[in-house]
Amino acid sequence: MSNRTFTMIKPDAFSKGHSGGILDMILKSGFRIVALKMTKLSQEKAGEFYAVHKARPFYGELVDFMSSGPIIAAILEKDNAVADFRKLIGATDPAKADAGTIRKLYAASVGENAVHGSDSDENAKIEGDFFFSGLERY
């Protein structure tokens, strides 16, 4: 079990000014930020990141959305990081998310769900490596 996970504050949450509130919730939940950057994904990079979904009908819409504005990418550290972060963000559908979770508070819909969170230790490493070099981690 790894003690690191990856997250992105998505364009919808960023444009609505929720980045600070989301980062505050992350820190207050005991996560340490190992790497952090604001960036904007090109269509090509968004497609690369979400390549696992390429055969799904929502892929094009997802790529368009994720390249529509700035995001904040971060690697987070805490014991049981992946599972604890998934619990903190809540269900993908904010209507089904538990009260007090990031998505319940900040997401508008399944498509505009405020944050990404890695679903496994393996994907956390792959996703963190996609955005950050070794020199960008502390």
N, C-alpha and C. Protein backbone atom coordinates (compact mmCIF):
# COMPACT_ATOMS: atom_id res chain seq x y z
N MET A 1 0.84 -1.20 0.00
CA MET A 1 0.00 0.00 0.00
C MET A 1 0.88 1.25 0.00
N SER A 2 0.59 2.15 -0.90
CA SER A 2 1.35 3.38 -1.02
C SER A 2 0.81 4.44 -0.08
N ASN A 3 1.64 5.41 0.20
CA ASN A 3 1.17 6.54 1.02
C ASN A 3 1.04 7.81 0.18
N ARG A 4 0.96 7.64 -1.15
CA ARG A 4 0.80 8.80 -2.03
C ARG A 4 -0.36 8.59 -2.99
N THR A 5 -1.00 9.69 -3.34
CA THR A 5 -2.05 9.66 -4.34
C THR A 5 -1.94 10.91 -5.20
N PHE A 6 -2.69 10.93 -6.28
CA PHE A 6 -2.67 12.05 -7.20
C PHE A 6 -4.06 12.66 -7.28
N THR A 7 -4.12 13.97 -7.41
CA THR A 7 -5.39 14.66 -7.62
C THR A 7 -5.23 15.79 -8.61
N MET A 8 -6.36 16.17 -9.20
CA MET A 8 -6.45 17.37 -10.02
C MET A 8 -7.70 18.12 -9.59
N ILE A 9 -7.56 19.42 -9.41
CA ILE A 9 -8.74 20.28 -9.29
C ILE A 9 -9.08 20.63 -10.73
N LYS A 10 -10.27 20.24 -11.15
CA LYS A 10 -10.67 20.32 -12.55
C LYS A 10 -11.08 21.74 -12.96
N PRO A 11 -11.18 21.98 -14.28
CA PRO A 11 -11.49 23.33 -14.77
C PRO A 11 -12.76 23.95 -14.18
N ASP A 12 -13.79 23.14 -13.92
CA ASP A 12 -15.03 23.70 -13.38
C ASP A 12 -14.82 24.28 -11.99
N ALA A 13 -14.16 23.54 -11.12
CA ALA A 13 -13.91 24.01 -9.76
C ALA A 13 -12.94 25.18 -9.76
N PHE A 14 -11.94 25.12 -10.63
CA PHE A 14 -10.97 26.22 -10.73
C PHE A 14 -11.67 27.51 -11.16
N SER A 15 -12.49 27.43 -12.20
CA SER A 15 -13.13 28.65 -12.73
C SER A 15 -14.14 29.25 -11.76
N LYS A 16 -14.69 28.43 -10.88
CA LYS A 16 -15.66 28.92 -9.90
C LYS A 16 -15.01 29.41 -8.61
N GLY A 17 -13.67 29.37 -8.57
CA GLY A 17 -12.96 29.87 -7.40
C GLY A 17 -12.93 28.93 -6.21
N HIS A 18 -13.10 27.63 -6.46
CA HIS A 18 -13.14 26.66 -5.36
C HIS A 18 -11.80 26.04 -5.01
N SER A 19 -10.74 26.40 -5.73
CA SER A 19 -9.43 25.76 -5.52
C SER A 19 -8.95 25.91 -4.07
N GLY A 20 -9.06 27.10 -3.53
CA GLY A 20 -8.60 27.33 -2.16
C GLY A 20 -9.37 26.51 -1.15
N GLY A 21 -10.68 26.45 -1.29
CA GLY A 21 -11.50 25.66 -0.38
C GLY A 21 -11.17 24.18 -0.46
N ILE A 22 -10.95 23.69 -1.68
CA ILE A 22 -10.61 22.28 -1.87
C ILE A 22 -9.24 21.98 -1.27
N LEU A 23 -8.25 22.83 -1.54
CA LEU A 23 -6.91 22.60 -0.97
C LEU A 23 -6.97 22.67 0.56
N ASP A 24 -7.78 23.56 1.11
CA ASP A 24 -7.94 23.66 2.55
C ASP A 24 -8.50 22.36 3.12
N MET A 25 -9.51 21.79 2.47
CA MET A 25 -10.08 20.52 2.93
C MET A 25 -9.05 19.40 2.88
N ILE A 26 -8.23 19.40 1.83
CA ILE A 26 -7.20 18.37 1.69
C ILE A 26 -6.21 18.47 2.85
N LEU A 27 -5.73 19.67 3.12
CA LEU A 27 -4.76 19.87 4.19
C LEU A 27 -5.37 19.56 5.56
N LYS A 28 -6.59 19.98 5.81
CA LYS A 28 -7.25 19.73 7.10
C LYS A 28 -7.56 18.26 7.30
N SER A 29 -7.55 17.48 6.21
CA SER A 29 -7.77 16.03 6.31
C SER A 29 -6.47 15.27 6.55
N GLY A 30 -5.39 15.99 6.75
CA GLY A 30 -4.13 15.35 7.10
C GLY A 30 -3.21 15.01 5.96
N PHE A 31 -3.54 15.43 4.75
CA PHE A 31 -2.66 15.18 3.62
C PHE A 31 -1.55 16.23 3.59
N ARG A 32 -0.38 15.78 3.17
CA ARG A 32 0.74 16.69 2.93
C ARG A 32 0.90 16.81 1.42
N ILE A 33 1.07 18.03 0.93
CA ILE A 33 1.26 18.25 -0.50
C ILE A 33 2.73 18.04 -0.84
N VAL A 34 2.98 17.04 -1.69
CA VAL A 34 4.33 16.66 -2.10
C VAL A 34 4.74 17.40 -3.37
N ALA A 35 3.75 17.67 -4.23
CA ALA A 35 3.98 18.40 -5.49
C ALA A 35 2.69 19.13 -5.84
N LEU A 36 2.84 20.32 -6.43
CA LEU A 36 1.67 21.14 -6.75
C LEU A 36 1.99 22.04 -7.93
N LYS A 37 1.06 22.11 -8.89
CA LYS A 37 1.25 23.06 -10.00
C LYS A 37 -0.09 23.40 -10.63
N MET A 38 -0.16 24.61 -11.13
CA MET A 38 -1.28 25.03 -11.95
C MET A 38 -0.81 24.93 -13.40
N THR A 39 -1.66 24.37 -14.25
CA THR A 39 -1.32 24.21 -15.65
C THR A 39 -2.61 24.15 -16.46
N LYS A 40 -2.47 24.12 -17.76
CA LYS A 40 -3.63 23.93 -18.64
C LYS A 40 -3.28 22.81 -19.61
N LEU A 41 -4.12 21.81 -19.64
CA LEU A 41 -3.89 20.68 -20.54
C LEU A 41 -4.31 21.04 -21.96
N SER A 42 -3.47 20.68 -22.92
CA SER A 42 -3.86 20.77 -24.32
C SER A 42 -4.83 19.61 -24.60
N GLN A 43 -5.50 19.67 -25.73
CA GLN A 43 -6.37 18.55 -26.14
C GLN A 43 -5.55 17.25 -26.20
N GLU A 44 -4.34 17.37 -26.76
CA GLU A 44 -3.47 16.19 -26.90
C GLU A 44 -3.11 15.60 -25.53
N LYS A 45 -2.69 16.45 -24.60
CA LYS A 45 -2.29 15.98 -23.26
C LYS A 45 -3.48 15.43 -22.48
N ALA A 46 -4.64 16.08 -22.59
CA ALA A 46 -5.84 15.57 -21.92
C ALA A 46 -6.22 14.20 -22.49
N GLY A 47 -6.11 14.06 -23.80
CA GLY A 47 -6.38 12.78 -24.43
C GLY A 47 -5.42 11.69 -23.98
N GLU A 48 -4.17 12.07 -23.83
CA GLU A 48 -3.15 11.13 -23.36
C GLU A 48 -3.45 10.69 -21.92
N PHE A 49 -3.78 11.66 -21.07
CA PHE A 49 -4.05 11.35 -19.65
C PHE A 49 -5.25 10.43 -19.52
N TYR A 50 -6.28 10.66 -20.31
CA TYR A 50 -7.52 9.87 -20.22
C TYR A 50 -7.61 8.79 -21.29
N ALA A 51 -6.49 8.36 -21.84
CA ALA A 51 -6.46 7.35 -22.90
C ALA A 51 -7.18 6.06 -22.51
N VAL A 52 -7.19 5.73 -21.24
CA VAL A 52 -7.86 4.53 -20.75
C VAL A 52 -9.36 4.56 -21.09
N HIS A 53 -9.92 5.74 -21.28
CA HIS A 53 -11.35 5.89 -21.59
C HIS A 53 -11.63 6.09 -23.08
N LYS A 54 -10.62 5.93 -23.92
CA LYS A 54 -10.74 6.27 -25.34
C LYS A 54 -11.91 5.58 -26.04
N ALA A 55 -12.23 4.36 -25.68
CA ALA A 55 -13.31 3.63 -26.35
C ALA A 55 -14.70 3.99 -25.80
N ARG A 56 -14.75 4.74 -24.74
CA ARG A 56 -16.04 5.08 -24.12
C ARG A 56 -16.68 6.27 -24.82
N PRO A 57 -18.01 6.32 -24.82
CA PRO A 57 -18.71 7.38 -25.56
C PRO A 57 -18.46 8.79 -25.02
N PHE A 58 -18.07 8.91 -23.77
CA PHE A 58 -17.85 10.24 -23.17
C PHE A 58 -16.43 10.76 -23.34
N TYR A 59 -15.55 10.00 -23.99
CA TYR A 59 -14.14 10.37 -24.10
C TYR A 59 -13.92 11.75 -24.72
N GLY A 60 -14.54 12.03 -25.85
CA GLY A 60 -14.35 13.32 -26.53
C GLY A 60 -14.81 14.48 -25.67
N GLU A 61 -15.94 14.32 -25.02
CA GLU A 61 -16.46 15.36 -24.13
C GLU A 61 -15.53 15.56 -22.93
N LEU A 62 -15.00 14.46 -22.40
CA LEU A 62 -14.06 14.53 -21.27
C LEU A 62 -12.79 15.29 -21.66
N VAL A 63 -12.24 14.97 -22.81
CA VAL A 63 -11.03 15.64 -23.29
C VAL A 63 -11.30 17.13 -23.51
N ASP A 64 -12.43 17.45 -24.11
CA ASP A 64 -12.80 18.86 -24.31
C ASP A 64 -12.90 19.59 -22.97
N PHE A 65 -13.58 18.99 -22.03
CA PHE A 65 -13.76 19.59 -20.71
C PHE A 65 -12.43 19.79 -20.00
N MET A 66 -11.59 18.76 -19.99
CA MET A 66 -10.33 18.83 -19.23
C MET A 66 -9.32 19.77 -19.87
N SER A 67 -9.52 20.11 -21.13
CA SER A 67 -8.63 21.08 -21.79
C SER A 67 -9.27 22.46 -21.90
N SER A 68 -10.40 22.66 -21.23
CA SER A 68 -11.15 23.92 -21.37
C SER A 68 -10.65 25.06 -20.48
N GLY A 69 -9.79 24.76 -19.53
CA GLY A 69 -9.29 25.80 -18.64
C GLY A 69 -8.22 25.27 -17.72
N PRO A 70 -7.68 26.12 -16.87
CA PRO A 70 -6.62 25.70 -15.96
C PRO A 70 -7.07 24.61 -14.99
N ILE A 71 -6.10 23.82 -14.57
CA ILE A 71 -6.30 22.80 -13.53
C ILE A 71 -5.18 22.97 -12.51
N ILE A 72 -5.36 22.39 -11.35
CA ILE A 72 -4.30 22.31 -10.36
C ILE A 72 -4.04 20.83 -10.14
N ALA A 73 -2.81 20.40 -10.39
CA ALA A 73 -2.40 19.02 -10.20
C ALA A 73 -1.59 18.92 -8.92
N ALA A 74 -1.75 17.81 -8.20
CA ALA A 74 -1.02 17.65 -6.94
C ALA A 74 -0.78 16.19 -6.62
N ILE A 75 0.35 15.94 -6.00
CA ILE A 75 0.62 14.64 -5.39
C ILE A 75 0.49 14.85 -3.89
N LEU A 76 -0.28 13.97 -3.26
CA LEU A 76 -0.58 14.08 -1.84
C LEU A 76 -0.02 12.89 -1.09
N GLU A 77 0.35 13.11 0.15
CA GLU A 77 0.94 12.05 0.96
C GLU A 77 0.19 11.92 2.29
N LYS A 78 -0.06 10.68 2.67
CA LYS A 78 -0.73 10.36 3.93
C LYS A 78 -0.78 8.84 4.01
N ASP A 79 -0.81 8.27 5.18
CA ASP A 79 -1.03 6.83 5.29
C ASP A 79 -2.36 6.50 4.63
N ASN A 80 -2.38 5.41 3.86
CA ASN A 80 -3.61 4.96 3.18
C ASN A 80 -4.16 6.05 2.26
N ALA A 81 -3.27 6.73 1.55
CA ALA A 81 -3.60 7.94 0.79
C ALA A 81 -4.72 7.73 -0.24
N VAL A 82 -4.64 6.69 -1.06
CA VAL A 82 -5.63 6.52 -2.13
C VAL A 82 -7.02 6.35 -1.54
N ALA A 83 -7.18 5.42 -0.62
CA ALA A 83 -8.51 5.15 -0.04
C ALA A 83 -9.02 6.35 0.75
N ASP A 84 -8.16 6.98 1.53
CA ASP A 84 -8.59 8.13 2.32
C ASP A 84 -9.00 9.30 1.44
N PHE A 85 -8.27 9.50 0.32
CA PHE A 85 -8.63 10.60 -0.57
C PHE A 85 -9.93 10.31 -1.30
N ARG A 86 -10.13 9.07 -1.72
CA ARG A 86 -11.39 8.71 -2.40
C ARG A 86 -12.57 8.96 -1.45
N LYS A 87 -12.38 8.68 -0.18
CA LYS A 87 -13.44 8.94 0.80
C LYS A 87 -13.68 10.45 0.94
N LEU A 88 -12.60 11.24 0.95
CA LEU A 88 -12.71 12.69 1.08
C LEU A 88 -13.42 13.33 -0.11
N ILE A 89 -13.17 12.84 -1.32
CA ILE A 89 -13.79 13.47 -2.49
C ILE A 89 -15.23 13.04 -2.68
N GLY A 90 -15.59 11.84 -2.28
CA GLY A 90 -16.97 11.38 -2.43
C GLY A 90 -17.25 10.77 -3.77
N ALA A 91 -18.49 10.34 -3.95
CA ALA A 91 -18.93 9.66 -5.17
C ALA A 91 -18.79 10.58 -6.39
N THR A 92 -18.57 9.98 -7.55
CA THR A 92 -18.44 10.72 -8.80
C THR A 92 -19.67 11.59 -9.06
N ASP A 93 -20.83 11.06 -8.75
CA ASP A 93 -22.07 11.82 -8.88
C ASP A 93 -22.28 12.60 -7.58
N PRO A 94 -22.19 13.92 -7.63
CA PRO A 94 -22.31 14.70 -6.39
C PRO A 94 -23.65 14.51 -5.68
N ALA A 95 -24.69 14.13 -6.42
CA ALA A 95 -25.99 13.87 -5.80
C ALA A 95 -25.94 12.64 -4.89
N LYS A 96 -24.98 11.74 -5.16
CA LYS A 96 -24.83 10.52 -4.36
C LYS A 96 -23.66 10.61 -3.38
N ALA A 97 -22.94 11.72 -3.39
CA ALA A 97 -21.77 11.89 -2.51
C ALA A 97 -22.23 12.15 -1.08
N ASP A 98 -21.45 11.67 -0.14
CA ASP A 98 -21.75 11.90 1.28
C ASP A 98 -21.62 13.38 1.62
N ALA A 99 -22.40 13.81 2.59
CA ALA A 99 -22.31 15.19 3.09
C ALA A 99 -20.89 15.46 3.56
N GLY A 100 -20.42 16.67 3.29
CA GLY A 100 -19.10 17.07 3.74
C GLY A 100 -17.96 16.67 2.84
N THR A 101 -18.24 15.92 1.76
CA THR A 101 -17.18 15.55 0.83
C THR A 101 -16.95 16.69 -0.17
N ILE A 102 -15.80 16.65 -0.81
CA ILE A 102 -15.45 17.69 -1.78
C ILE A 102 -16.48 17.78 -2.89
N ARG A 103 -16.87 16.64 -3.43
CA ARG A 103 -17.82 16.67 -4.55
C ARG A 103 -19.21 17.11 -4.10
N LYS A 104 -19.62 16.76 -2.91
CA LYS A 104 -20.93 17.21 -2.41
C LYS A 104 -20.94 18.74 -2.30
N LEU A 105 -19.80 19.29 -1.86
CA LEU A 105 -19.72 20.74 -1.65
C LEU A 105 -19.44 21.53 -2.92
N TYR A 106 -18.64 20.97 -3.85
CA TYR A 106 -18.14 21.78 -4.96
C TYR A 106 -18.48 21.29 -6.37
N ALA A 107 -18.99 20.08 -6.53
CA ALA A 107 -19.26 19.55 -7.87
C ALA A 107 -20.68 19.90 -8.33
N ALA A 108 -20.85 20.08 -9.63
CA ALA A 108 -22.15 20.42 -10.20
C ALA A 108 -22.87 19.21 -10.79
N SER A 109 -22.09 18.23 -11.27
CA SER A 109 -22.68 17.08 -11.97
C SER A 109 -21.64 15.98 -12.08
N VAL A 110 -22.05 14.86 -12.66
CA VAL A 110 -21.10 13.76 -12.90
C VAL A 110 -19.98 14.24 -13.82
N GLY A 111 -20.31 15.01 -14.83
CA GLY A 111 -19.31 15.51 -15.77
C GLY A 111 -18.44 16.61 -15.20
N GLU A 112 -19.03 17.48 -14.42
CA GLU A 112 -18.28 18.58 -13.78
C GLU A 112 -18.21 18.27 -12.29
N ASN A 113 -17.31 17.33 -11.97
CA ASN A 113 -17.27 16.81 -10.60
C ASN A 113 -16.10 17.32 -9.76
N ALA A 114 -15.57 18.46 -10.12
CA ALA A 114 -14.63 19.26 -9.32
C ALA A 114 -13.22 18.70 -9.19
N VAL A 115 -13.06 17.42 -8.93
CA VAL A 115 -11.73 16.87 -8.67
C VAL A 115 -11.57 15.47 -9.27
N HIS A 116 -10.34 15.15 -9.55
CA HIS A 116 -9.95 13.78 -9.92
C HIS A 116 -9.19 13.21 -8.74
N GLY A 117 -9.39 11.94 -8.49
CA GLY A 117 -8.60 11.24 -7.48
C GLY A 117 -8.21 9.87 -8.00
N SER A 118 -6.96 9.49 -7.84
CA SER A 118 -6.50 8.19 -8.31
C SER A 118 -7.31 7.07 -7.67
N ASP A 119 -7.54 6.01 -8.45
CA ASP A 119 -8.33 4.90 -7.94
C ASP A 119 -7.51 3.71 -7.46
N SER A 120 -6.18 3.80 -7.57
CA SER A 120 -5.31 2.72 -7.10
C SER A 120 -3.91 3.27 -6.87
N ASP A 121 -3.11 2.53 -6.13
CA ASP A 121 -1.72 2.92 -5.92
C ASP A 121 -0.96 2.99 -7.24
N GLU A 122 -1.23 2.01 -8.13
CA GLU A 122 -0.55 1.97 -9.42
C GLU A 122 -0.89 3.20 -10.25
N ASN A 123 -2.18 3.53 -10.31
CA ASN A 123 -2.58 4.70 -11.10
C ASN A 123 -2.10 6.00 -10.46
N ALA A 124 -2.03 6.05 -9.14
CA ALA A 124 -1.50 7.25 -8.47
C ALA A 124 -0.07 7.52 -8.93
N LYS A 125 0.74 6.48 -9.04
CA LYS A 125 2.12 6.65 -9.50
C LYS A 125 2.16 7.08 -10.96
N ILE A 126 1.39 6.41 -11.81
CA ILE A 126 1.35 6.74 -13.23
C ILE A 126 0.89 8.18 -13.43
N GLU A 127 -0.18 8.57 -12.75
CA GLU A 127 -0.74 9.91 -12.91
C GLU A 127 0.19 10.98 -12.36
N GLY A 128 0.80 10.71 -11.21
CA GLY A 128 1.77 11.66 -10.65
C GLY A 128 2.96 11.84 -11.58
N ASP A 129 3.44 10.74 -12.15
CA ASP A 129 4.57 10.80 -13.08
C ASP A 129 4.22 11.53 -14.37
N PHE A 130 2.95 11.52 -14.75
CA PHE A 130 2.49 12.23 -15.96
C PHE A 130 2.70 13.74 -15.81
N PHE A 131 2.48 14.24 -14.61
CA PHE A 131 2.53 15.68 -14.37
C PHE A 131 3.83 16.20 -13.75
N PHE A 132 4.53 15.36 -12.99
CA PHE A 132 5.66 15.87 -12.20
C PHE A 132 6.93 15.07 -12.41
N SER A 133 8.04 15.81 -12.55
CA SER A 133 9.36 15.16 -12.58
C SER A 133 9.80 14.94 -11.14
N GLY A 134 10.86 14.20 -10.97
CA GLY A 134 11.41 13.98 -9.63
C GLY A 134 11.86 15.26 -8.96
N LEU A 135 12.30 16.24 -9.75
CA LEU A 135 12.76 17.50 -9.19
C LEU A 135 11.62 18.38 -8.67
N GLU A 136 10.38 18.04 -9.03
CA GLU A 136 9.22 18.84 -8.62
C GLU A 136 8.51 18.28 -7.39
N ARG A 137 9.08 17.25 -6.79
CA ARG A 137 8.46 16.61 -5.62
C ARG A 137 9.28 16.89 -4.39
N TYR A 138 8.59 17.14 -3.28
CA TYR A 138 9.30 17.53 -2.05
C TYR A 138 8.88 16.67 -0.88
